[in-house]
């Protein structure tokens, strides 16, 4: 029962963070600035981002519900908080403020935080569940490459 309760809490927090990030982004994706950027040839269509983030946040919420039922410490909460702040702030930094270099640093740090979750909190009790983080890690690697392309080609 505790895991279901935690799962619901993390779904609300994670999707709330996505909504906040989207709000920070505003209509920048359809605006002139973003439209005129040299973007990577492998940039997926817009609908892929929504589908990917939905799957990622559901998997991440499942993982977090197990993690926090096993290790409910201030340190784990701190790491999760930093990752959430980095996730939300990227939209603001990259799209709203158009600081593509700082956005690149931001997304690299977010990727490292999620890899840290995978390595550090993937002990025996979470050894199989840590693989729920792989879609997040893969997506962040793709997103980092997209951001990097913008940095180096604009």
N, C-alpha and C. Protein backbone atom coordinates (compact mmCIF):
# COMPACT_ATOMS: atom_id res chain seq x y z
N UNK A 1 0.82 -1.19 0.00
CA UNK A 1 0.00 0.00 0.00
C UNK A 1 0.86 1.26 0.00
N UNK A 2 1.98 1.21 0.74
CA UNK A 2 2.87 2.36 0.82
C UNK A 2 3.45 2.69 -0.57
N UNK A 3 3.79 1.65 -1.36
CA UNK A 3 4.36 1.87 -2.68
C UNK A 3 3.34 2.51 -3.62
N UNK A 4 2.09 2.12 -3.51
CA UNK A 4 1.05 2.72 -4.36
C UNK A 4 0.87 4.19 -4.00
N UNK A 5 0.85 4.47 -2.72
CA UNK A 5 0.75 5.84 -2.23
C UNK A 5 1.92 6.68 -2.75
N UNK A 6 3.15 6.15 -2.64
CA UNK A 6 4.33 6.85 -3.12
C UNK A 6 4.30 7.01 -4.64
N UNK A 7 3.83 5.99 -5.34
CA UNK A 7 3.73 6.06 -6.79
C UNK A 7 2.82 7.22 -7.21
N UNK A 8 1.69 7.35 -6.57
CA UNK A 8 0.76 8.44 -6.88
C UNK A 8 1.39 9.79 -6.57
N UNK A 9 2.06 9.88 -5.44
CA UNK A 9 2.74 11.14 -5.08
C UNK A 9 3.78 11.51 -6.14
N UNK A 10 4.59 10.54 -6.54
CA UNK A 10 5.63 10.84 -7.53
C UNK A 10 5.05 11.12 -8.91
N UNK A 11 3.95 10.47 -9.25
CA UNK A 11 3.28 10.82 -10.51
C UNK A 11 2.86 12.29 -10.50
N UNK A 12 2.26 12.71 -9.40
CA UNK A 12 1.80 14.10 -9.29
C UNK A 12 2.99 15.06 -9.35
N UNK A 13 4.04 14.76 -8.59
CA UNK A 13 5.21 15.64 -8.58
C UNK A 13 5.88 15.68 -9.95
N UNK A 14 6.11 14.51 -10.55
CA UNK A 14 6.83 14.46 -11.82
C UNK A 14 6.04 15.09 -12.96
N UNK A 15 4.75 14.80 -13.03
CA UNK A 15 3.95 15.42 -14.09
C UNK A 15 3.70 16.90 -13.80
N UNK A 16 3.65 17.26 -12.52
CA UNK A 16 3.58 18.67 -12.16
C UNK A 16 4.83 19.41 -12.59
N UNK A 17 5.98 18.77 -12.42
CA UNK A 17 7.24 19.37 -12.87
C UNK A 17 7.26 19.52 -14.38
N UNK A 18 6.77 18.52 -15.11
CA UNK A 18 6.69 18.65 -16.56
C UNK A 18 5.77 19.79 -16.98
N UNK A 19 4.65 19.91 -16.28
CA UNK A 19 3.71 21.00 -16.58
C UNK A 19 4.36 22.36 -16.30
N UNK A 20 5.06 22.45 -15.20
CA UNK A 20 5.74 23.70 -14.86
C UNK A 20 6.82 24.03 -15.90
N UNK A 21 7.58 23.03 -16.30
CA UNK A 21 8.58 23.23 -17.35
C UNK A 21 7.95 23.68 -18.65
N UNK A 22 6.82 23.10 -18.99
CA UNK A 22 6.10 23.49 -20.20
C UNK A 22 5.60 24.93 -20.10
N UNK A 23 5.15 25.30 -18.93
CA UNK A 23 4.69 26.67 -18.71
C UNK A 23 5.85 27.64 -18.86
N UNK A 24 7.02 27.29 -18.30
CA UNK A 24 8.21 28.12 -18.45
C UNK A 24 8.62 28.26 -19.92
N UNK A 25 8.40 27.21 -20.68
CA UNK A 25 8.77 27.20 -22.09
C UNK A 25 7.84 28.10 -22.89
N UNK A 26 6.58 28.15 -22.49
CA UNK A 26 5.61 28.97 -23.21
C UNK A 26 5.43 28.48 -24.63
N UNK A 27 5.32 29.41 -25.57
CA UNK A 27 5.13 29.05 -26.97
C UNK A 27 6.44 29.15 -27.76
N UNK A 28 7.56 29.04 -27.07
CA UNK A 28 8.87 29.21 -27.70
C UNK A 28 9.14 28.20 -28.80
N UNK A 29 8.60 27.00 -28.70
CA UNK A 29 8.85 25.96 -29.71
C UNK A 29 8.29 26.39 -31.06
N UNK A 30 7.21 27.14 -31.05
CA UNK A 30 6.61 27.59 -32.31
C UNK A 30 7.05 29.01 -32.66
N UNK A 31 7.86 29.62 -31.83
CA UNK A 31 8.29 31.00 -32.06
C UNK A 31 9.42 31.10 -33.07
N UNK A 32 9.69 32.34 -33.47
CA UNK A 32 10.73 32.61 -34.48
C UNK A 32 12.12 32.17 -34.03
N UNK A 33 12.45 32.44 -32.77
CA UNK A 33 13.80 32.12 -32.31
C UNK A 33 14.12 30.65 -32.50
N UNK A 34 13.27 29.77 -31.99
CA UNK A 34 13.52 28.33 -32.09
C UNK A 34 13.39 27.85 -33.53
N UNK A 35 12.42 28.37 -34.24
CA UNK A 35 12.22 27.95 -35.64
C UNK A 35 13.42 28.27 -36.50
N UNK A 36 14.13 29.35 -36.18
CA UNK A 36 15.27 29.77 -36.99
C UNK A 36 16.61 29.16 -36.55
N UNK A 37 16.61 28.38 -35.51
CA UNK A 37 17.85 27.73 -35.07
C UNK A 37 18.24 26.62 -36.05
N UNK A 38 19.53 26.40 -36.19
CA UNK A 38 20.01 25.21 -36.90
C UNK A 38 19.87 24.05 -35.93
N UNK A 39 18.93 23.16 -36.22
CA UNK A 39 18.66 22.02 -35.34
C UNK A 39 19.25 20.74 -35.95
N UNK A 40 19.51 19.80 -35.08
CA UNK A 40 20.09 18.52 -35.50
C UNK A 40 19.16 17.82 -36.48
N UNK A 41 19.73 17.16 -37.48
CA UNK A 41 18.90 16.41 -38.44
C UNK A 41 18.11 15.28 -37.77
N UNK A 42 18.55 14.82 -36.61
CA UNK A 42 17.87 13.74 -35.90
C UNK A 42 16.83 14.25 -34.90
N UNK A 43 16.51 15.54 -34.96
CA UNK A 43 15.49 16.10 -34.07
C UNK A 43 14.15 15.42 -34.37
N UNK A 44 13.56 14.78 -33.36
CA UNK A 44 12.29 14.08 -33.61
C UNK A 44 11.13 15.07 -33.76
N UNK A 45 10.02 14.62 -34.33
CA UNK A 45 8.84 15.48 -34.42
C UNK A 45 8.33 15.81 -33.01
N UNK A 46 7.62 16.91 -32.91
CA UNK A 46 7.17 17.41 -31.62
C UNK A 46 6.40 16.41 -30.77
N UNK A 47 5.54 15.59 -31.38
CA UNK A 47 4.72 14.66 -30.61
C UNK A 47 5.56 13.63 -29.87
N UNK A 48 6.76 13.34 -30.37
CA UNK A 48 7.63 12.34 -29.74
C UNK A 48 8.04 12.80 -28.34
N UNK A 49 8.24 14.10 -28.17
CA UNK A 49 8.66 14.63 -26.87
C UNK A 49 7.60 14.34 -25.80
N UNK A 50 6.34 14.60 -26.12
CA UNK A 50 5.26 14.33 -25.16
C UNK A 50 5.13 12.86 -24.84
N UNK A 51 5.20 12.02 -25.87
CA UNK A 51 5.09 10.57 -25.65
C UNK A 51 6.27 10.06 -24.82
N UNK A 52 7.46 10.52 -25.17
CA UNK A 52 8.65 10.07 -24.44
C UNK A 52 8.59 10.49 -22.98
N UNK A 53 8.26 11.77 -22.73
CA UNK A 53 8.24 12.23 -21.34
C UNK A 53 7.15 11.55 -20.52
N UNK A 54 6.04 11.22 -21.16
CA UNK A 54 4.98 10.51 -20.43
C UNK A 54 5.48 9.14 -19.97
N UNK A 55 6.06 8.38 -20.88
CA UNK A 55 6.60 7.06 -20.53
C UNK A 55 7.70 7.18 -19.49
N UNK A 56 8.61 8.12 -19.69
CA UNK A 56 9.73 8.32 -18.77
C UNK A 56 9.23 8.62 -17.36
N UNK A 57 8.27 9.51 -17.22
CA UNK A 57 7.81 9.91 -15.89
C UNK A 57 7.01 8.80 -15.20
N UNK A 58 6.31 8.00 -15.96
CA UNK A 58 5.61 6.85 -15.35
C UNK A 58 6.66 5.87 -14.82
N UNK A 59 7.64 5.51 -15.64
CA UNK A 59 8.70 4.60 -15.20
C UNK A 59 9.49 5.17 -14.02
N UNK A 60 9.82 6.46 -14.10
CA UNK A 60 10.57 7.11 -13.02
C UNK A 60 9.76 7.10 -11.73
N UNK A 61 8.47 7.30 -11.83
CA UNK A 61 7.61 7.28 -10.64
C UNK A 61 7.55 5.89 -10.01
N UNK A 62 7.49 4.86 -10.84
CA UNK A 62 7.52 3.48 -10.31
C UNK A 62 8.83 3.26 -9.58
N UNK A 63 9.93 3.60 -10.25
CA UNK A 63 11.25 3.43 -9.63
C UNK A 63 11.34 4.18 -8.30
N UNK A 64 10.92 5.45 -8.30
CA UNK A 64 11.01 6.26 -7.09
C UNK A 64 10.14 5.72 -5.97
N UNK A 65 8.98 5.16 -6.30
CA UNK A 65 8.11 4.61 -5.25
C UNK A 65 8.79 3.45 -4.54
N UNK A 66 9.52 2.63 -5.27
CA UNK A 66 10.27 1.54 -4.64
C UNK A 66 11.48 2.08 -3.89
N UNK A 67 12.21 3.00 -4.53
CA UNK A 67 13.39 3.57 -3.89
C UNK A 67 13.04 4.21 -2.55
N UNK A 68 12.01 5.04 -2.53
CA UNK A 68 11.67 5.74 -1.31
C UNK A 68 11.02 4.83 -0.27
N UNK A 69 10.47 3.69 -0.69
CA UNK A 69 9.95 2.75 0.30
C UNK A 69 11.09 1.99 0.97
N UNK A 70 12.25 1.93 0.30
CA UNK A 70 13.43 1.25 0.85
C UNK A 70 14.37 2.23 1.54
N UNK A 71 14.65 3.34 0.87
CA UNK A 71 15.61 4.33 1.36
C UNK A 71 14.97 5.71 1.41
N UNK A 72 14.24 5.96 2.42
CA UNK A 72 13.59 7.26 2.56
C UNK A 72 14.49 8.17 3.40
N UNK A 73 15.57 8.66 2.77
CA UNK A 73 16.52 9.49 3.51
C UNK A 73 16.53 10.91 2.96
N UNK A 74 17.07 11.81 3.73
CA UNK A 74 17.18 13.20 3.29
C UNK A 74 18.09 13.30 2.07
N UNK A 75 19.13 12.48 2.02
CA UNK A 75 20.05 12.52 0.89
C UNK A 75 19.35 12.10 -0.40
N UNK A 76 18.57 11.04 -0.37
CA UNK A 76 17.86 10.58 -1.57
C UNK A 76 16.87 11.66 -2.00
N UNK A 77 16.17 12.26 -1.06
CA UNK A 77 15.24 13.33 -1.37
C UNK A 77 15.99 14.53 -1.98
N UNK A 78 17.17 14.85 -1.45
CA UNK A 78 17.98 15.95 -1.96
C UNK A 78 18.38 15.69 -3.42
N UNK A 79 18.85 14.50 -3.71
CA UNK A 79 19.27 14.15 -5.08
C UNK A 79 18.07 14.24 -6.01
N UNK A 80 16.93 13.72 -5.59
CA UNK A 80 15.72 13.80 -6.39
C UNK A 80 15.31 15.25 -6.61
N UNK A 81 15.40 16.06 -5.57
CA UNK A 81 15.05 17.48 -5.67
C UNK A 81 15.93 18.21 -6.67
N UNK A 82 17.22 17.94 -6.63
CA UNK A 82 18.15 18.57 -7.58
C UNK A 82 17.81 18.14 -9.01
N UNK A 83 17.55 16.86 -9.21
CA UNK A 83 17.20 16.36 -10.54
C UNK A 83 15.92 17.03 -11.05
N UNK A 84 14.95 17.18 -10.18
CA UNK A 84 13.68 17.81 -10.56
C UNK A 84 13.89 19.28 -10.92
N UNK A 85 14.67 19.97 -10.13
CA UNK A 85 14.97 21.39 -10.41
C UNK A 85 15.69 21.52 -11.75
N UNK A 86 16.66 20.65 -12.00
CA UNK A 86 17.37 20.69 -13.27
C UNK A 86 16.44 20.41 -14.44
N UNK A 87 15.53 19.46 -14.27
CA UNK A 87 14.60 19.11 -15.33
C UNK A 87 13.69 20.29 -15.66
N UNK A 88 13.13 20.91 -14.65
CA UNK A 88 12.21 22.04 -14.86
C UNK A 88 12.96 23.25 -15.40
N UNK A 89 14.13 23.52 -14.84
CA UNK A 89 14.85 24.74 -15.20
C UNK A 89 15.40 24.72 -16.62
N UNK A 90 15.62 23.54 -17.19
CA UNK A 90 16.15 23.49 -18.55
C UNK A 90 15.22 24.22 -19.52
N UNK A 91 13.93 23.99 -19.41
CA UNK A 91 12.97 24.65 -20.29
C UNK A 91 13.07 26.17 -20.18
N UNK A 92 13.18 26.64 -18.96
CA UNK A 92 13.28 28.08 -18.73
C UNK A 92 14.58 28.64 -19.30
N UNK A 93 15.68 27.97 -19.01
CA UNK A 93 16.99 28.44 -19.45
C UNK A 93 17.11 28.40 -20.97
N UNK A 94 16.75 27.27 -21.56
CA UNK A 94 16.94 27.09 -23.00
C UNK A 94 15.91 27.88 -23.81
N UNK A 95 14.64 27.66 -23.55
CA UNK A 95 13.59 28.26 -24.38
C UNK A 95 13.24 29.69 -23.97
N UNK A 96 12.99 29.90 -22.69
CA UNK A 96 12.53 31.20 -22.23
C UNK A 96 13.65 32.24 -22.29
N UNK A 97 14.81 31.89 -21.74
CA UNK A 97 15.92 32.83 -21.70
C UNK A 97 16.87 32.72 -22.91
N UNK A 98 16.70 31.68 -23.71
CA UNK A 98 17.49 31.43 -24.91
C UNK A 98 19.00 31.36 -24.61
N UNK A 99 19.31 30.81 -23.44
CA UNK A 99 20.71 30.63 -23.03
C UNK A 99 21.11 29.19 -23.35
N UNK A 100 21.45 28.98 -24.61
CA UNK A 100 21.67 27.61 -25.08
C UNK A 100 22.90 26.97 -24.45
N UNK A 101 23.95 27.75 -24.16
CA UNK A 101 25.14 27.20 -23.51
C UNK A 101 24.84 26.76 -22.08
N UNK A 102 24.13 27.60 -21.35
CA UNK A 102 23.75 27.25 -19.98
C UNK A 102 22.76 26.08 -19.98
N UNK A 103 21.88 26.05 -20.98
CA UNK A 103 20.98 24.92 -21.13
C UNK A 103 21.74 23.62 -21.35
N UNK A 104 22.81 23.71 -22.12
CA UNK A 104 23.64 22.54 -22.38
C UNK A 104 24.28 22.02 -21.09
N UNK A 105 24.80 22.93 -20.29
CA UNK A 105 25.38 22.55 -18.99
C UNK A 105 24.29 21.95 -18.11
N UNK A 106 23.12 22.57 -18.11
CA UNK A 106 21.99 22.11 -17.31
C UNK A 106 21.61 20.67 -17.67
N UNK A 107 21.48 20.39 -18.95
CA UNK A 107 21.02 19.06 -19.35
C UNK A 107 22.11 18.00 -19.13
N UNK A 108 23.37 18.40 -19.24
CA UNK A 108 24.45 17.47 -18.90
C UNK A 108 24.39 17.12 -17.42
N UNK A 109 24.18 18.12 -16.57
CA UNK A 109 24.07 17.86 -15.13
C UNK A 109 22.87 16.97 -14.81
N UNK A 110 21.74 17.22 -15.48
CA UNK A 110 20.56 16.38 -15.27
C UNK A 110 20.85 14.94 -15.67
N UNK A 111 21.51 14.76 -16.80
CA UNK A 111 21.87 13.41 -17.25
C UNK A 111 22.75 12.72 -16.22
N UNK A 112 23.74 13.44 -15.71
CA UNK A 112 24.62 12.87 -14.69
C UNK A 112 23.85 12.51 -13.42
N UNK A 113 22.86 13.32 -13.05
CA UNK A 113 22.06 13.02 -11.85
C UNK A 113 21.26 11.73 -12.03
N UNK A 114 20.68 11.53 -13.19
CA UNK A 114 19.88 10.33 -13.41
C UNK A 114 20.80 9.10 -13.52
N UNK A 115 21.95 9.25 -14.13
CA UNK A 115 22.94 8.16 -14.15
C UNK A 115 23.38 7.86 -12.71
N UNK A 116 23.53 8.90 -11.90
CA UNK A 116 23.88 8.71 -10.49
C UNK A 116 22.82 7.87 -9.78
N UNK A 117 21.53 8.16 -10.03
CA UNK A 117 20.45 7.33 -9.49
C UNK A 117 20.65 5.87 -9.90
N UNK A 118 20.91 5.65 -11.17
CA UNK A 118 21.07 4.30 -11.71
C UNK A 118 22.21 3.56 -11.04
N UNK A 119 23.34 4.22 -10.86
CA UNK A 119 24.52 3.57 -10.29
C UNK A 119 24.43 3.45 -8.77
N UNK A 120 24.10 4.53 -8.11
CA UNK A 120 24.15 4.57 -6.65
C UNK A 120 22.98 3.87 -5.98
N UNK A 121 21.80 4.04 -6.53
CA UNK A 121 20.61 3.48 -5.88
C UNK A 121 20.10 2.25 -6.62
N UNK A 122 21.00 1.49 -7.21
CA UNK A 122 20.63 0.28 -7.91
C UNK A 122 21.17 -0.96 -7.23
N UNK A 123 21.11 -0.97 -5.90
CA UNK A 123 21.65 -2.11 -5.15
C UNK A 123 20.77 -3.34 -5.31
N UNK A 124 21.03 -4.35 -4.50
CA UNK A 124 20.33 -5.63 -4.63
C UNK A 124 18.82 -5.52 -4.63
N UNK A 125 18.28 -4.67 -3.75
CA UNK A 125 16.82 -4.56 -3.65
C UNK A 125 16.21 -3.83 -4.84
N UNK A 126 17.02 -3.06 -5.55
CA UNK A 126 16.53 -2.32 -6.72
C UNK A 126 17.25 -2.72 -8.00
N UNK A 127 17.95 -3.85 -7.97
CA UNK A 127 18.82 -4.22 -9.08
C UNK A 127 18.06 -4.33 -10.41
N UNK A 128 16.86 -4.83 -10.40
CA UNK A 128 16.09 -4.94 -11.64
C UNK A 128 15.31 -3.67 -11.91
N UNK A 129 14.82 -3.04 -10.87
CA UNK A 129 14.01 -1.83 -11.05
C UNK A 129 14.81 -0.65 -11.58
N UNK A 130 16.11 -0.66 -11.36
CA UNK A 130 16.92 0.46 -11.85
C UNK A 130 16.86 0.56 -13.37
N UNK A 131 16.52 -0.52 -14.06
CA UNK A 131 16.42 -0.49 -15.51
C UNK A 131 15.23 0.34 -16.00
N UNK A 132 14.34 0.67 -15.10
CA UNK A 132 13.26 1.60 -15.43
C UNK A 132 13.82 2.99 -15.73
N UNK A 133 15.04 3.26 -15.31
CA UNK A 133 15.69 4.54 -15.57
C UNK A 133 16.32 4.62 -16.97
N UNK A 134 16.47 3.49 -17.63
CA UNK A 134 17.14 3.50 -18.94
C UNK A 134 16.44 4.38 -19.98
N UNK A 135 15.10 4.35 -20.10
CA UNK A 135 14.48 5.27 -21.06
C UNK A 135 14.80 6.74 -20.76
N UNK A 136 14.84 7.09 -19.48
CA UNK A 136 15.18 8.45 -19.07
C UNK A 136 16.61 8.78 -19.48
N UNK A 137 17.54 7.87 -19.20
CA UNK A 137 18.94 8.09 -19.54
C UNK A 137 19.13 8.19 -21.06
N UNK A 138 18.50 7.30 -21.79
CA UNK A 138 18.60 7.32 -23.26
C UNK A 138 18.03 8.63 -23.81
N UNK A 139 16.86 9.01 -23.31
CA UNK A 139 16.23 10.24 -23.79
C UNK A 139 17.09 11.46 -23.46
N UNK A 140 17.68 11.47 -22.27
CA UNK A 140 18.54 12.60 -21.91
C UNK A 140 19.80 12.64 -22.78
N UNK A 141 20.31 11.50 -23.17
CA UNK A 141 21.46 11.48 -24.09
C UNK A 141 21.05 12.06 -25.44
N UNK A 142 19.88 11.71 -25.92
CA UNK A 142 19.38 12.28 -27.18
C UNK A 142 19.17 13.78 -27.03
N UNK A 143 18.51 14.19 -25.94
CA UNK A 143 18.25 15.61 -25.71
C UNK A 143 19.54 16.40 -25.55
N UNK A 144 20.53 15.81 -24.91
CA UNK A 144 21.82 16.46 -24.75
C UNK A 144 22.48 16.65 -26.12
N UNK A 145 22.37 15.64 -26.97
CA UNK A 145 22.95 15.76 -28.31
C UNK A 145 22.23 16.84 -29.12
N UNK A 146 20.91 16.94 -28.96
CA UNK A 146 20.16 17.98 -29.65
C UNK A 146 20.57 19.37 -29.18
N UNK A 147 20.68 19.53 -27.86
CA UNK A 147 21.10 20.81 -27.29
C UNK A 147 22.54 21.12 -27.72
N UNK A 148 23.40 20.13 -27.70
CA UNK A 148 24.79 20.32 -28.12
C UNK A 148 24.89 20.74 -29.58
N UNK A 149 24.06 20.14 -30.42
CA UNK A 149 24.06 20.52 -31.83
C UNK A 149 23.70 21.99 -31.99
N UNK A 150 22.70 22.43 -31.24
CA UNK A 150 22.30 23.84 -31.29
C UNK A 150 23.43 24.73 -30.82
N UNK A 151 24.11 24.33 -29.75
CA UNK A 151 25.23 25.13 -29.24
C UNK A 151 26.34 25.27 -30.28
N UNK A 152 26.70 24.17 -30.91
CA UNK A 152 27.85 24.18 -31.80
C UNK A 152 27.54 24.60 -33.24
N UNK A 153 26.26 24.75 -33.58
CA UNK A 153 25.89 25.10 -34.94
C UNK A 153 25.05 26.37 -35.08
N UNK A 154 25.04 27.17 -34.03
CA UNK A 154 24.31 28.44 -34.08
C UNK A 154 25.18 29.56 -33.57
